[in-house]
Amino acid sequence: MKAKELRKKTDKERAKLLLEKRKKLKDFHFSGATSRPKNTKEAVNLRKDIARIKTIAKEYEK
């Protein structure tokens, strides 16, 4: 998800999206323990999305 798209969302939408991304990342790590994941870049993309959301949230706090 791009930063422009995240800036258009409300605080509640960003918080909900952050929770969803964190849950997906947790599920990805647990599924990786039992079987090999098909998309190995998914974890990297999820972490980057989480960082983008948190960064934009900090911008709006100031």
N, C-alpha and C. Protein backbone atom coordinates (compact mmCIF):
# COMPACT_ATOMS: atom_id res chain seq x y z
N MET A 1 0.83 -1.16 0.00
CA MET A 1 0.00 0.00 0.00
C MET A 1 0.89 1.24 0.00
N LYS A 2 0.50 2.20 -0.79
CA LYS A 2 1.31 3.41 -0.92
C LYS A 2 0.98 4.42 0.17
N ALA A 3 1.93 5.30 0.43
CA ALA A 3 1.77 6.31 1.48
C ALA A 3 0.63 7.27 1.15
N LYS A 4 0.45 7.60 -0.12
CA LYS A 4 -0.64 8.50 -0.51
C LYS A 4 -1.99 7.92 -0.14
N GLU A 5 -2.15 6.63 -0.36
CA GLU A 5 -3.41 5.97 -0.02
C GLU A 5 -3.64 5.97 1.49
N LEU A 6 -2.57 5.77 2.25
CA LEU A 6 -2.69 5.74 3.70
C LEU A 6 -3.03 7.10 4.28
N ARG A 7 -2.52 8.16 3.66
CA ARG A 7 -2.79 9.50 4.16
C ARG A 7 -4.26 9.89 3.97
N LYS A 8 -4.92 9.30 2.98
CA LYS A 8 -6.32 9.60 2.72
C LYS A 8 -7.26 8.92 3.73
N LYS A 9 -6.77 7.90 4.41
CA LYS A 9 -7.60 7.15 5.34
C LYS A 9 -7.69 7.88 6.69
N THR A 10 -8.74 7.57 7.42
CA THR A 10 -8.91 8.16 8.75
C THR A 10 -8.04 7.40 9.75
N ASP A 11 -7.95 7.95 10.96
CA ASP A 11 -7.15 7.30 12.01
C ASP A 11 -7.68 5.92 12.33
N LYS A 12 -8.99 5.78 12.40
CA LYS A 12 -9.59 4.48 12.73
C LYS A 12 -9.33 3.45 11.64
N GLU A 13 -9.40 3.88 10.39
CA GLU A 13 -9.13 2.97 9.27
C GLU A 13 -7.68 2.50 9.30
N ARG A 14 -6.76 3.44 9.59
CA ARG A 14 -5.34 3.07 9.66
C ARG A 14 -5.08 2.13 10.82
N ALA A 15 -5.73 2.36 11.95
CA ALA A 15 -5.54 1.48 13.11
C ALA A 15 -6.05 0.07 12.80
N LYS A 16 -7.19 0.00 12.13
CA LYS A 16 -7.75 -1.30 11.76
C LYS A 16 -6.84 -2.02 10.77
N LEU A 17 -6.31 -1.27 9.81
CA LEU A 17 -5.40 -1.84 8.81
C LEU A 17 -4.12 -2.34 9.47
N LEU A 18 -3.62 -1.59 10.46
CA LEU A 18 -2.42 -1.99 11.19
C LEU A 18 -2.64 -3.31 11.91
N LEU A 19 -3.78 -3.46 12.56
CA LEU A 19 -4.09 -4.71 13.24
C LEU A 19 -4.17 -5.88 12.26
N GLU A 20 -4.78 -5.64 11.10
CA GLU A 20 -4.88 -6.69 10.09
C GLU A 20 -3.51 -7.12 9.59
N LYS A 21 -2.65 -6.15 9.32
CA LYS A 21 -1.30 -6.46 8.81
C LYS A 21 -0.49 -7.22 9.85
N ARG A 22 -0.61 -6.81 11.13
CA ARG A 22 0.12 -7.51 12.18
C ARG A 22 -0.37 -8.95 12.32
N LYS A 23 -1.69 -9.16 12.19
CA LYS A 23 -2.24 -10.51 12.28
C LYS A 23 -1.75 -11.37 11.11
N LYS A 24 -1.73 -10.79 9.91
CA LYS A 24 -1.24 -11.52 8.74
C LYS A 24 0.22 -11.92 8.91
N LEU A 25 1.02 -11.00 9.48
CA LEU A 25 2.44 -11.29 9.69
C LEU A 25 2.61 -12.41 10.70
N LYS A 26 1.83 -12.37 11.77
CA LYS A 26 1.90 -13.43 12.78
C LYS A 26 1.49 -14.77 12.18
N ASP A 27 0.41 -14.77 11.41
CA ASP A 27 -0.04 -16.00 10.76
C ASP A 27 1.01 -16.52 9.78
N PHE A 28 1.66 -15.60 9.08
CA PHE A 28 2.70 -15.99 8.13
C PHE A 28 3.85 -16.69 8.85
N HIS A 29 4.26 -16.15 9.99
CA HIS A 29 5.37 -16.75 10.74
C HIS A 29 4.98 -18.13 11.27
N PHE A 30 3.77 -18.28 11.76
CA PHE A 30 3.35 -19.58 12.27
C PHE A 30 3.17 -20.60 11.15
N SER A 31 2.68 -20.17 10.00
CA SER A 31 2.52 -21.10 8.89
C SER A 31 3.88 -21.51 8.33
N GLY A 32 4.85 -20.63 8.44
CA GLY A 32 6.20 -20.94 7.97
C GLY A 32 6.88 -21.99 8.81
N ALA A 33 6.45 -22.13 10.05
CA ALA A 33 7.05 -23.12 10.93
C ALA A 33 6.59 -24.53 10.57
N THR A 34 5.40 -24.63 10.01
CA THR A 34 4.86 -25.95 9.70
C THR A 34 5.09 -26.36 8.24
N SER A 35 5.10 -25.39 7.34
CA SER A 35 5.30 -25.71 5.92
C SER A 35 6.04 -24.55 5.26
N ARG A 36 6.53 -24.80 4.08
CA ARG A 36 7.25 -23.76 3.37
C ARG A 36 6.26 -22.78 2.73
N PRO A 37 6.45 -21.49 2.96
CA PRO A 37 5.54 -20.50 2.36
C PRO A 37 5.77 -20.39 0.85
N LYS A 38 4.71 -20.10 0.13
CA LYS A 38 4.82 -19.96 -1.32
C LYS A 38 5.45 -18.62 -1.69
N ASN A 39 5.05 -17.57 -1.01
CA ASN A 39 5.56 -16.23 -1.30
C ASN A 39 6.45 -15.78 -0.14
N THR A 40 7.74 -15.89 -0.32
CA THR A 40 8.67 -15.56 0.76
C THR A 40 8.82 -14.06 0.95
N LYS A 41 8.49 -13.25 -0.04
CA LYS A 41 8.58 -11.80 0.08
C LYS A 41 7.40 -11.21 0.83
N GLU A 42 6.41 -12.02 1.13
CA GLU A 42 5.21 -11.52 1.81
C GLU A 42 5.55 -10.92 3.18
N ALA A 43 6.43 -11.56 3.93
CA ALA A 43 6.81 -11.06 5.24
C ALA A 43 7.49 -9.70 5.12
N VAL A 44 8.34 -9.54 4.15
CA VAL A 44 9.03 -8.27 3.94
C VAL A 44 8.02 -7.18 3.60
N ASN A 45 7.10 -7.48 2.72
CA ASN A 45 6.09 -6.50 2.33
C ASN A 45 5.18 -6.13 3.50
N LEU A 46 4.82 -7.10 4.31
CA LEU A 46 3.98 -6.82 5.47
C LEU A 46 4.70 -5.93 6.47
N ARG A 47 5.97 -6.21 6.73
CA ARG A 47 6.73 -5.37 7.65
C ARG A 47 6.86 -3.94 7.14
N LYS A 48 7.06 -3.78 5.83
CA LYS A 48 7.16 -2.44 5.25
C LYS A 48 5.84 -1.70 5.35
N ASP A 49 4.73 -2.40 5.12
CA ASP A 49 3.41 -1.78 5.24
C ASP A 49 3.15 -1.33 6.68
N ILE A 50 3.52 -2.17 7.63
CA ILE A 50 3.34 -1.82 9.04
C ILE A 50 4.16 -0.58 9.37
N ALA A 51 5.38 -0.52 8.88
CA ALA A 51 6.23 0.64 9.14
C ALA A 51 5.65 1.90 8.52
N ARG A 52 5.10 1.80 7.31
CA ARG A 52 4.49 2.96 6.66
C ARG A 52 3.30 3.48 7.47
N ILE A 53 2.47 2.56 7.92
CA ILE A 53 1.29 2.96 8.69
C ILE A 53 1.70 3.66 9.97
N LYS A 54 2.69 3.09 10.67
CA LYS A 54 3.14 3.68 11.93
C LYS A 54 3.79 5.05 11.70
N THR A 55 4.53 5.20 10.61
CA THR A 55 5.19 6.47 10.30
C THR A 55 4.15 7.55 10.03
N ILE A 56 3.14 7.23 9.24
CA ILE A 56 2.10 8.22 8.92
C ILE A 56 1.30 8.56 10.18
N ALA A 57 1.07 7.59 11.04
CA ALA A 57 0.37 7.87 12.28
C ALA A 57 1.16 8.85 13.14
N LYS A 58 2.47 8.71 13.17
CA LYS A 58 3.33 9.63 13.93
C LYS A 58 3.29 11.03 13.33
N GLU A 59 3.23 11.12 11.99
CA GLU A 59 3.17 12.41 11.34
C GLU A 59 1.91 13.18 11.76
N TYR A 60 0.80 12.48 11.86
CA TYR A 60 -0.45 13.13 12.22
C TYR A 60 -0.53 13.45 13.70
N GLU A 61 0.27 12.79 14.53
CA GLU A 61 0.31 13.11 15.96
C GLU A 61 0.94 14.47 16.19
N LYS A 62 1.92 14.82 15.38
CA LYS A 62 2.64 16.08 15.55
C LYS A 62 1.81 17.20 15.07
